[in-house]
Amino acid sequence: MMLQGKTIHLRALEPTDLDYLYALENDSNLWEVSHTLTPFSKYVLSQYLENSHRDIFDVKQLRLMIEHTETNQALGCIDLFDFNPQHHRVGVGLVIFDTAQRSKGYAAQSLSLICAYAKEYLQVHQVFANISEENNVSISLFEKAGFIKSGIKKDWNYTQNSYKDEFVYQRILANK
């Protein structure tokens, strides 16, 4: 299976992604979504890159780069996490890092590709996402991709001196 859409493809992490990941992981505007409290060093990220080849069945997670097909420009990342092969489920999160590249369909293509990959290669029955109640752009993206809000974690995240709910979205992948 080629992880390629109309204008993007998903690819494995490369050592040359270090500077991109450093900028992404240290952008404090994204910390609320990623539940990060401190910056990452280039050393820590280089160690992460060195181990990024490990199998999802071993480490229960996978990060792929979202890259423009024509320009090979990195647009963002898509992650599978909390992979549970016993129960055939996995979490998904994604970010299009450059705000000028958002709302161009890249995230929707990435989500479609990763769901197809999870179903076909990981034998996943369902994919879930955790989305802040205030993240209307992500809520719209996931709902258009067939995800259904299945729960609310009340007062789940504490940010900016207040508690915020987090929604759980799930998509059951159709059987063949």
C-alpha atoms as a PDB file:
ATOM      1  CA  MET A   1       0.000   0.000   0.000  1.00  0.00           C
ATOM      2  CA  MET A   2       1.375   3.364  -0.992  1.00  0.00           C
ATOM      3  CA  LEU A   3       0.443   5.998   1.550  1.00  0.00           C
ATOM      4  CA  GLN A   4      -0.249   8.625  -1.095  1.00  0.00           C
ATOM      5  CA  GLY A   5      -3.208  10.904  -1.624  1.00  0.00           C
ATOM      6  CA  LYS A   6      -3.943  13.490  -4.307  1.00  0.00           C
ATOM      7  CA  THR A   7      -1.457  16.075  -3.092  1.00  0.00           C
ATOM      8  CA  ILE A   8       0.300  14.486  -0.112  1.00  0.00           C
ATOM      9  CA  HIS A   9       1.999  11.313   0.938  1.00  0.00           C
ATOM     10  CA  LEU A  10       2.889   9.905   4.323  1.00  0.00           C
ATOM     11  CA  ARG A  11       6.435   8.765   4.920  1.00  0.00           C
ATOM     12  CA  ALA A  12       8.658   7.466   7.694  1.00  0.00           C
ATOM     13  CA  LEU A  13      10.771   9.861   9.731  1.00  0.00           C
ATOM     14  CA  GLU A  14      14.273  10.579   8.470  1.00  0.00           C
ATOM     15  CA  PRO A  15      17.325  12.006  10.278  1.00  0.00           C
ATOM     16  CA  THR A  16      16.934  15.107   8.090  1.00  0.00           C
ATOM     17  CA  ASP A  17      13.624  15.830   9.881  1.00  0.00           C
ATOM     18  CA  LEU A  18      15.435  16.868  13.075  1.00  0.00           C
ATOM     19  CA  ASP A  19      15.167  20.640  12.573  1.00  0.00           C
ATOM     20  CA  TYR A  20      11.526  20.375  11.514  1.00  0.00           C
ATOM     21  CA  LEU A  21      10.624  18.260  14.564  1.00  0.00           C
ATOM     22  CA  TYR A  22      12.599  20.608  16.803  1.00  0.00           C
ATOM     23  CA  ALA A  23      10.540  23.578  15.595  1.00  0.00           C
ATOM     24  CA  LEU A  24       7.272  21.642  15.802  1.00  0.00           C
ATOM     25  CA  GLU A  25       7.778  20.129  19.246  1.00  0.00           C
ATOM     26  CA  ASN A  26       9.008  23.419  20.710  1.00  0.00           C
ATOM     27  CA  ASP A  27       6.163  25.568  19.393  1.00  0.00           C
ATOM     28  CA  SER A  28       4.406  26.466  22.635  1.00  0.00           C
ATOM     29  CA  ASN A  29       1.190  27.173  20.689  1.00  0.00           C
ATOM     30  CA  LEU A  30       0.871  23.405  20.190  1.00  0.00           C
ATOM     31  CA  TRP A  31       1.715  22.371  23.744  1.00  0.00           C
ATOM     32  CA  GLU A  32      -1.887  22.387  24.929  1.00  0.00           C
ATOM     33  CA  VAL A  33      -2.813  19.853  22.240  1.00  0.00           C
ATOM     34  CA  SER A  34       0.267  17.680  22.760  1.00  0.00           C
ATOM     35  CA  HIS A  35       0.156  17.935  26.563  1.00  0.00           C
ATOM     36  CA  THR A  36       3.725  19.223  26.605  1.00  0.00           C
ATOM     37  CA  LEU A  37       5.057  21.379  29.419  1.00  0.00           C
ATOM     38  CA  THR A  38       8.744  21.769  28.563  1.00  0.00           C
ATOM     39  CA  PRO A  39      10.839  22.170  25.411  1.00  0.00           C
ATOM     40  CA  PHE A  40      12.600  19.253  23.757  1.00  0.00           C
ATOM     41  CA  SER A  41      16.334  19.338  23.092  1.00  0.00           C
ATOM     42  CA  LYS A  42      17.780  18.418  19.715  1.00  0.00           C
ATOM     43  CA  TYR A  43      19.615  15.596  21.481  1.00  0.00           C
ATOM     44  CA  VAL A  44      16.381  14.050  22.773  1.00  0.00           C
ATOM     45  CA  LEU A  45      14.745  14.414  19.372  1.00  0.00           C
ATOM     46  CA  SER A  46      17.747  12.888  17.601  1.00  0.00           C
ATOM     47  CA  GLN A  47      17.471   9.887  19.960  1.00  0.00           C
ATOM     48  CA  TYR A  48      13.779   9.670  19.106  1.00  0.00           C
ATOM     49  CA  LEU A  49      14.617   9.709  15.375  1.00  0.00           C
ATOM     50  CA  GLU A  50      17.200   6.965  15.856  1.00  0.00           C
ATOM     51  CA  ASN A  51      14.506   4.745  17.373  1.00  0.00           C
ATOM     52  CA  SER A  52      11.624   5.774  15.112  1.00  0.00           C
ATOM     53  CA  HIS A  53      12.109   2.672  12.965  1.00  0.00           C
ATOM     54  CA  ARG A  54      10.885   0.409  15.766  1.00  0.00           C
ATOM     55  CA  ASP A  55       7.786  -1.635  15.024  1.00  0.00           C
ATOM     56  CA  ILE A  56       4.376  -0.317  16.119  1.00  0.00           C
ATOM     57  CA  PHE A  57       3.644  -3.744  17.629  1.00  0.00           C
ATOM     58  CA  ASP A  58       6.644  -3.181  19.918  1.00  0.00           C
ATOM     59  CA  VAL A  59       6.359   0.491  20.876  1.00  0.00           C
ATOM     60  CA  LYS A  60       2.585   0.909  20.336  1.00  0.00           C
ATOM     61  CA  GLN A  61       3.031   4.130  18.371  1.00  0.00           C
ATOM     62  CA  LEU A  62       3.990   5.383  14.921  1.00  0.00           C
ATOM     63  CA  ARG A  63       4.742   8.874  13.643  1.00  0.00           C
ATOM     64  CA  LEU A  64       4.727   9.662   9.944  1.00  0.00           C
ATOM     65  CA  MET A  65       5.566  12.872   8.138  1.00  0.00           C
ATOM     66  CA  ILE A  66       2.929  14.492   5.958  1.00  0.00           C
ATOM     67  CA  GLU A  67       4.716  15.690   2.845  1.00  0.00           C
ATOM     68  CA  HIS A  68       3.539  17.521  -0.281  1.00  0.00           C
ATOM     69  CA  THR A  69       3.843  15.154  -3.233  1.00  0.00           C
ATOM     70  CA  GLU A  70       5.129  17.674  -5.782  1.00  0.00           C
ATOM     71  CA  THR A  71       7.429  19.807  -3.630  1.00  0.00           C
ATOM     72  CA  ASN A  72       8.415  17.233  -0.976  1.00  0.00           C
ATOM     73  CA  GLN A  73       7.782  19.997   1.574  1.00  0.00           C
ATOM     74  CA  ALA A  74       7.045  18.723   5.080  1.00  0.00           C
ATOM     75  CA  LEU A  75       3.556  19.887   6.033  1.00  0.00           C
ATOM     76  CA  GLY A  76       3.112  18.205   9.401  1.00  0.00           C
ATOM     77  CA  CYS A  77       2.909  14.890  11.211  1.00  0.00           C
ATOM     78  CA  ILE A  78       0.329  12.214  11.842  1.00  0.00           C
ATOM     79  CA  ASP A  79       0.661   9.894  14.820  1.00  0.00           C
ATOM     80  CA  LEU A  80      -0.827   6.564  15.747  1.00  0.00           C
ATOM     81  CA  PHE A  81      -0.659   5.981  19.498  1.00  0.00           C
ATOM     82  CA  ASP A  82      -1.971   3.651  22.196  1.00  0.00           C
ATOM     83  CA  PHE A  83      -2.046   0.847  19.633  1.00  0.00           C
ATOM     84  CA  ASN A  84      -3.818  -2.136  21.136  1.00  0.00           C
ATOM     85  CA  PRO A  85      -3.631  -5.180  18.837  1.00  0.00           C
ATOM     86  CA  GLN A  86      -5.624  -7.317  21.279  1.00  0.00           C
ATOM     87  CA  HIS A  87      -8.663  -5.047  21.005  1.00  0.00           C
ATOM     88  CA  HIS A  88      -7.927  -3.865  17.447  1.00  0.00           C
ATOM     89  CA  ARG A  89      -7.859  -0.131  18.170  1.00  0.00           C
ATOM     90  CA  VAL A  90      -5.492   2.795  17.882  1.00  0.00           C
ATOM     91  CA  GLY A  91      -5.517   6.524  18.602  1.00  0.00           C
ATOM     92  CA  VAL A  92      -4.714   9.142  15.971  1.00  0.00           C
ATOM     93  CA  GLY A  93      -3.506  12.713  16.153  1.00  0.00           C
ATOM     94  CA  LEU A  94      -2.237  15.050  13.489  1.00  0.00           C
ATOM     95  CA  VAL A  95      -0.962  18.555  12.915  1.00  0.00           C
ATOM     96  CA  ILE A  96      -0.382  20.658   9.838  1.00  0.00           C
ATOM     97  CA  PHE A  97       2.383  22.808  11.286  1.00  0.00           C
ATOM     98  CA  ASP A  98       2.524  25.824   8.946  1.00  0.00           C
ATOM     99  CA  THR A  99      -0.730  27.720   9.456  1.00  0.00           C
ATOM    100  CA  ALA A 100      -0.581  28.928   5.815  1.00  0.00           C
ATOM    101  CA  GLN A 101      -0.852  25.275   4.701  1.00  0.00           C
ATOM    102  CA  ARG A 102      -3.997  24.548   6.718  1.00  0.00           C
ATOM    103  CA  SER A 103      -7.493  24.244   5.207  1.00  0.00           C
ATOM    104  CA  LYS A 104      -6.125  22.838   1.938  1.00  0.00           C
ATOM    105  CA  GLY A 105      -7.292  19.257   2.429  1.00  0.00           C
ATOM    106  CA  TYR A 106      -3.935  17.891   3.587  1.00  0.00           C
ATOM    107  CA  ALA A 107      -5.210  16.816   7.006  1.00  0.00           C
ATOM    108  CA  ALA A 108      -8.287  15.122   5.521  1.00  0.00           C
ATOM    109  CA  GLN A 109      -6.142  13.175   3.033  1.00  0.00           C
ATOM    110  CA  SER A 110      -3.736  12.181   5.811  1.00  0.00           C
ATOM    111  CA  LEU A 111      -6.543  10.979   8.051  1.00  0.00           C
ATOM    112  CA  SER A 112      -8.072   8.936   5.232  1.00  0.00           C
ATOM    113  CA  LEU A 113      -4.719   7.336   4.373  1.00  0.00           C
ATOM    114  CA  ILE A 114      -3.845   6.476   7.976  1.00  0.00           C
ATOM    115  CA  CYS A 115      -7.278   4.916   8.609  1.00  0.00           C
ATOM    116  CA  ALA A 116      -6.903   2.737   5.498  1.00  0.00           C
ATOM    117  CA  TYR A 117      -3.390   1.764   6.606  1.00  0.00           C
ATOM    118  CA  ALA A 118      -4.563   0.940  10.148  1.00  0.00           C
ATOM    119  CA  LYS A 119      -7.373  -1.240   8.841  1.00  0.00           C
ATOM    120  CA  GLU A 120      -5.407  -3.089   6.177  1.00  0.00           C
ATOM    121  CA  TYR A 121      -2.016  -3.545   7.829  1.00  0.00           C
ATOM    122  CA  LEU A 122      -2.694  -3.340  11.551  1.00  0.00           C
ATOM    123  CA  GLN A 123      -6.084  -5.110  11.443  1.00  0.00           C
ATOM    124  CA  VAL A 124      -7.620  -2.235  13.414  1.00  0.00           C
ATOM    125  CA  HIS A 125     -11.377  -2.240  13.950  1.00  0.00           C
ATOM    126  CA  GLN A 126     -11.592   1.273  15.356  1.00  0.00           C
ATOM    127  CA  VAL A 127      -9.636   4.509  15.459  1.00  0.00           C
ATOM    128  CA  PHE A 128     -10.138   7.122  18.159  1.00  0.00           C
ATOM    129  CA  ALA A 129      -9.127  10.732  18.712  1.00  0.00           C
ATOM    130  CA  ASN A 130      -9.098  12.976  21.771  1.00  0.00           C
ATOM    131  CA  ILE A 131     -10.088  16.548  20.888  1.00  0.00           C
ATOM    132  CA  SER A 132     -10.382  19.615  23.096  1.00  0.00           C
ATOM    133  CA  GLU A 133     -13.886  21.072  23.287  1.00  0.00           C
ATOM    134  CA  GLU A 134     -12.549  24.337  21.852  1.00  0.00           C
ATOM    135  CA  ASN A 135     -10.812  22.822  18.811  1.00  0.00           C
ATOM    136  CA  ASN A 136     -13.631  23.367  16.324  1.00  0.00           C
ATOM    137  CA  VAL A 137     -11.385  22.900  13.290  1.00  0.00           C
ATOM    138  CA  SER A 138     -10.364  19.405  14.423  1.00  0.00           C
ATOM    139  CA  ILE A 139     -13.907  18.517  15.429  1.00  0.00           C
ATOM    140  CA  SER A 140     -15.099  19.433  11.929  1.00  0.00           C
ATOM    141  CA  LEU A 141     -12.239  17.501  10.280  1.00  0.00           C
ATOM    142  CA  PHE A 142     -12.889  14.310  12.231  1.00  0.00           C
ATOM    143  CA  GLU A 143     -16.672  14.482  11.830  1.00  0.00           C
ATOM    144  CA  LYS A 144     -16.289  14.901   8.041  1.00  0.00           C
ATOM    145  CA  ALA A 145     -13.995  11.838   8.118  1.00  0.00           C
ATOM    146  CA  GLY A 146     -16.744   9.722   9.675  1.00  0.00           C
ATOM    147  CA  PHE A 147     -15.731   9.961  13.328  1.00  0.00           C
ATOM    148  CA  ILE A 148     -18.542  10.163  15.873  1.00  0.00           C
ATOM    149  CA  LYS A 149     -18.358  11.848  19.264  1.00  0.00           C
ATOM    150  CA  SER A 150     -18.736   8.983  21.709  1.00  0.00           C
ATOM    151  CA  GLY A 151     -17.841  10.596  24.998  1.00  0.00           C
ATOM    152  CA  ILE A 152     -16.819  13.607  27.017  1.00  0.00           C
ATOM    153  CA  LYS A 153     -14.044  13.660  29.562  1.00  0.00           C
ATOM    154  CA  LYS A 154     -15.238  16.410  31.911  1.00  0.00           C
ATOM    155  CA  ASP A 155     -12.686  18.960  33.153  1.00  0.00           C
ATOM    156  CA  TRP A 156     -10.009  16.744  31.606  1.00  0.00           C
ATOM    157  CA  ASN A 157      -7.303  19.270  30.759  1.00  0.00           C
ATOM    158  CA  TYR A 158      -6.134  22.157  32.879  1.00  0.00           C
ATOM    159  CA  THR A 159      -4.817  25.038  30.795  1.00  0.00           C
ATOM    160  CA  GLN A 160      -4.716  28.802  31.175  1.00  0.00           C
ATOM    161  CA  ASN A 161      -6.123  28.609  34.717  1.00  0.00           C
ATOM    162  CA  SER A 162      -9.244  26.686  33.755  1.00  0.00           C
ATOM    163  CA  TYR A 163     -10.418  23.160  33.121  1.00  0.00           C
ATOM    164  CA  LYS A 164     -11.540  22.113  29.656  1.00  0.00           C
ATOM    165  CA  ASP A 165     -13.518  19.123  28.511  1.00  0.00           C
ATOM    166  CA  GLU A 166     -12.016  16.709  26.029  1.00  0.00           C
ATOM    167  CA  PHE A 167     -14.178  14.884  23.503  1.00  0.00           C
ATOM    168  CA  VAL A 168     -13.584  11.306  22.438  1.00  0.00           C
ATOM    169  CA  TYR A 169     -14.243  10.648  18.773  1.00  0.00           C
ATOM    170  CA  GLN A 170     -14.340   7.140  17.317  1.00  0.00           C
ATOM    171  CA  ARG A 171     -14.600   5.685  13.867  1.00  0.00           C
ATOM    172  CA  ILE A 172     -15.465   2.050  13.429  1.00  0.00           C
ATOM    173  CA  LEU A 173     -13.746   0.842  10.266  1.00  0.00           C
ATOM    174  CA  ALA A 174     -16.122  -1.165   8.084  1.00  0.00           C
ATOM    175  CA  ASN A 175     -15.529  -4.873   7.646  1.00  0.00           C
ATOM    176  CA  LYS A 176     -14.558  -6.126   4.210  1.00  0.00           C
END
